[in-house]
Amino acid sequence: MILAAVTAVVTLAALVVGAWAIETRLAALWRTEQRRHNARHRRSQSAPR
């Protein structure tokens, strides 16, 4: 019984940590992509026609 409870807690903790890691990685990826897109947009705007 105790082993089952410990396994459940460990599994839940692993899920939470994995979800948090994926979330932070995706957020960082999205932020860099937005920055790149904004820079590209600004560059194309400032270029003489």
N, C-alpha and C. Protein backbone atom coordinates (compact mmCIF):
# COMPACT_ATOMS: atom_id res chain seq x y z
N MET A 1 0.84 -1.21 0.00
CA MET A 1 0.00 0.00 0.00
C MET A 1 0.87 1.26 0.00
N ILE A 2 1.87 1.27 0.89
CA ILE A 2 2.77 2.43 0.95
C ILE A 2 3.53 2.55 -0.37
N LEU A 3 3.96 1.40 -0.90
CA LEU A 3 4.70 1.42 -2.16
C LEU A 3 3.85 2.01 -3.28
N ALA A 4 2.57 1.66 -3.31
CA ALA A 4 1.68 2.20 -4.34
C ALA A 4 1.56 3.72 -4.20
N ALA A 5 1.43 4.19 -2.97
CA ALA A 5 1.31 5.64 -2.73
C ALA A 5 2.59 6.36 -3.17
N VAL A 6 3.74 5.78 -2.80
CA VAL A 6 5.02 6.39 -3.18
C VAL A 6 5.15 6.42 -4.70
N THR A 7 4.79 5.33 -5.36
CA THR A 7 4.87 5.27 -6.83
C THR A 7 3.97 6.33 -7.45
N ALA A 8 2.76 6.47 -6.92
CA ALA A 8 1.83 7.47 -7.45
C ALA A 8 2.41 8.88 -7.29
N VAL A 9 2.95 9.17 -6.11
CA VAL A 9 3.51 10.51 -5.86
C VAL A 9 4.70 10.77 -6.79
N VAL A 10 5.58 9.77 -6.94
CA VAL A 10 6.76 9.94 -7.79
C VAL A 10 6.33 10.15 -9.25
N THR A 11 5.33 9.37 -9.70
CA THR A 11 4.84 9.51 -11.07
C THR A 11 4.26 10.90 -11.29
N LEU A 12 3.47 11.37 -10.33
CA LEU A 12 2.86 12.70 -10.43
C LEU A 12 3.95 13.78 -10.47
N ALA A 13 4.95 13.65 -9.60
CA ALA A 13 6.04 14.63 -9.58
C ALA A 13 6.78 14.63 -10.92
N ALA A 14 7.05 13.44 -11.47
CA ALA A 14 7.75 13.35 -12.76
C ALA A 14 6.92 14.01 -13.86
N LEU A 15 5.61 13.79 -13.84
CA LEU A 15 4.74 14.41 -14.84
C LEU A 15 4.78 15.93 -14.73
N VAL A 16 4.69 16.43 -13.50
CA VAL A 16 4.70 17.88 -13.29
C VAL A 16 6.02 18.48 -13.77
N VAL A 17 7.13 17.84 -13.38
CA VAL A 17 8.45 18.36 -13.78
C VAL A 17 8.60 18.31 -15.30
N GLY A 18 8.17 17.22 -15.91
CA GLY A 18 8.26 17.10 -17.37
C GLY A 18 7.43 18.16 -18.07
N ALA A 19 6.20 18.36 -17.59
CA ALA A 19 5.33 19.38 -18.18
C ALA A 19 5.94 20.76 -18.02
N TRP A 20 6.52 21.05 -16.85
CA TRP A 20 7.14 22.36 -16.61
C TRP A 20 8.33 22.57 -17.53
N ALA A 21 9.15 21.51 -17.71
CA ALA A 21 10.33 21.62 -18.58
C ALA A 21 9.90 21.88 -20.02
N ILE A 22 8.89 21.13 -20.49
CA ILE A 22 8.40 21.32 -21.86
C ILE A 22 7.83 22.73 -22.02
N GLU A 23 7.08 23.17 -21.01
CA GLU A 23 6.47 24.51 -21.07
C GLU A 23 7.54 25.59 -21.17
N THR A 24 8.58 25.51 -20.32
CA THR A 24 9.61 26.55 -20.35
C THR A 24 10.38 26.50 -21.67
N ARG A 25 10.65 25.28 -22.16
CA ARG A 25 11.38 25.16 -23.43
C ARG A 25 10.55 25.76 -24.56
N LEU A 26 9.26 25.44 -24.58
CA LEU A 26 8.39 25.98 -25.64
C LEU A 26 8.31 27.50 -25.53
N ALA A 27 8.20 28.02 -24.31
CA ALA A 27 8.11 29.47 -24.13
C ALA A 27 9.38 30.15 -24.64
N ALA A 28 10.54 29.57 -24.31
CA ALA A 28 11.80 30.16 -24.77
C ALA A 28 11.89 30.09 -26.29
N LEU A 29 11.50 28.96 -26.86
CA LEU A 29 11.52 28.81 -28.31
C LEU A 29 10.62 29.86 -28.96
N TRP A 30 9.40 30.01 -28.43
CA TRP A 30 8.44 30.95 -28.99
C TRP A 30 8.96 32.38 -28.88
N ARG A 31 9.60 32.69 -27.74
CA ARG A 31 10.13 34.04 -27.54
C ARG A 31 11.22 34.34 -28.57
N THR A 32 12.15 33.39 -28.78
CA THR A 32 13.23 33.63 -29.74
C THR A 32 12.65 33.75 -31.15
N GLU A 33 11.65 32.93 -31.46
CA GLU A 33 11.02 32.99 -32.78
C GLU A 33 10.35 34.35 -32.99
N GLN A 34 9.65 34.84 -31.96
CA GLN A 34 9.00 36.15 -32.06
C GLN A 34 10.06 37.24 -32.28
N ARG A 35 11.17 37.16 -31.54
CA ARG A 35 12.22 38.17 -31.66
C ARG A 35 12.78 38.15 -33.09
N ARG A 36 13.03 36.94 -33.62
CA ARG A 36 13.56 36.82 -34.96
C ARG A 36 12.57 37.41 -35.97
N HIS A 37 11.30 37.08 -35.79
CA HIS A 37 10.28 37.57 -36.71
C HIS A 37 10.19 39.10 -36.64
N ASN A 38 10.22 39.65 -35.44
CA ASN A 38 10.15 41.11 -35.30
C ASN A 38 11.35 41.77 -35.95
N ALA A 39 12.54 41.20 -35.75
CA ALA A 39 13.75 41.78 -36.35
C ALA A 39 13.65 41.73 -37.87
N ARG A 40 13.19 40.61 -38.41
CA ARG A 40 13.06 40.48 -39.85
C ARG A 40 12.07 41.51 -40.38
N HIS A 41 10.97 41.65 -39.67
CA HIS A 41 9.93 42.59 -40.10
C HIS A 41 10.47 44.02 -40.08
N ARG A 42 11.17 44.39 -39.01
CA ARG A 42 11.71 45.74 -38.90
C ARG A 42 12.73 45.99 -40.02
N ARG A 43 13.58 44.98 -40.29
CA ARG A 43 14.61 45.13 -41.32
C ARG A 43 13.95 45.37 -42.68
N SER A 44 12.93 44.56 -43.00
CA SER A 44 12.26 44.70 -44.29
C SER A 44 11.55 46.06 -44.39
N GLN A 45 11.06 46.55 -43.24
CA GLN A 45 10.38 47.85 -43.24
C GLN A 45 11.38 48.98 -43.49
N SER A 46 12.55 48.91 -42.86
CA SER A 46 13.52 50.01 -42.95
C SER A 46 14.26 49.99 -44.29
N ALA A 47 14.18 48.88 -45.04
CA ALA A 47 14.90 48.80 -46.31
C ALA A 47 14.29 49.79 -47.31
N PRO A 48 15.13 50.50 -48.06
CA PRO A 48 14.59 51.46 -49.04
C PRO A 48 13.88 50.74 -50.18
N ARG A 49 12.83 51.32 -50.63
CA ARG A 49 12.04 50.70 -51.71
C ARG A 49 12.72 50.91 -53.06
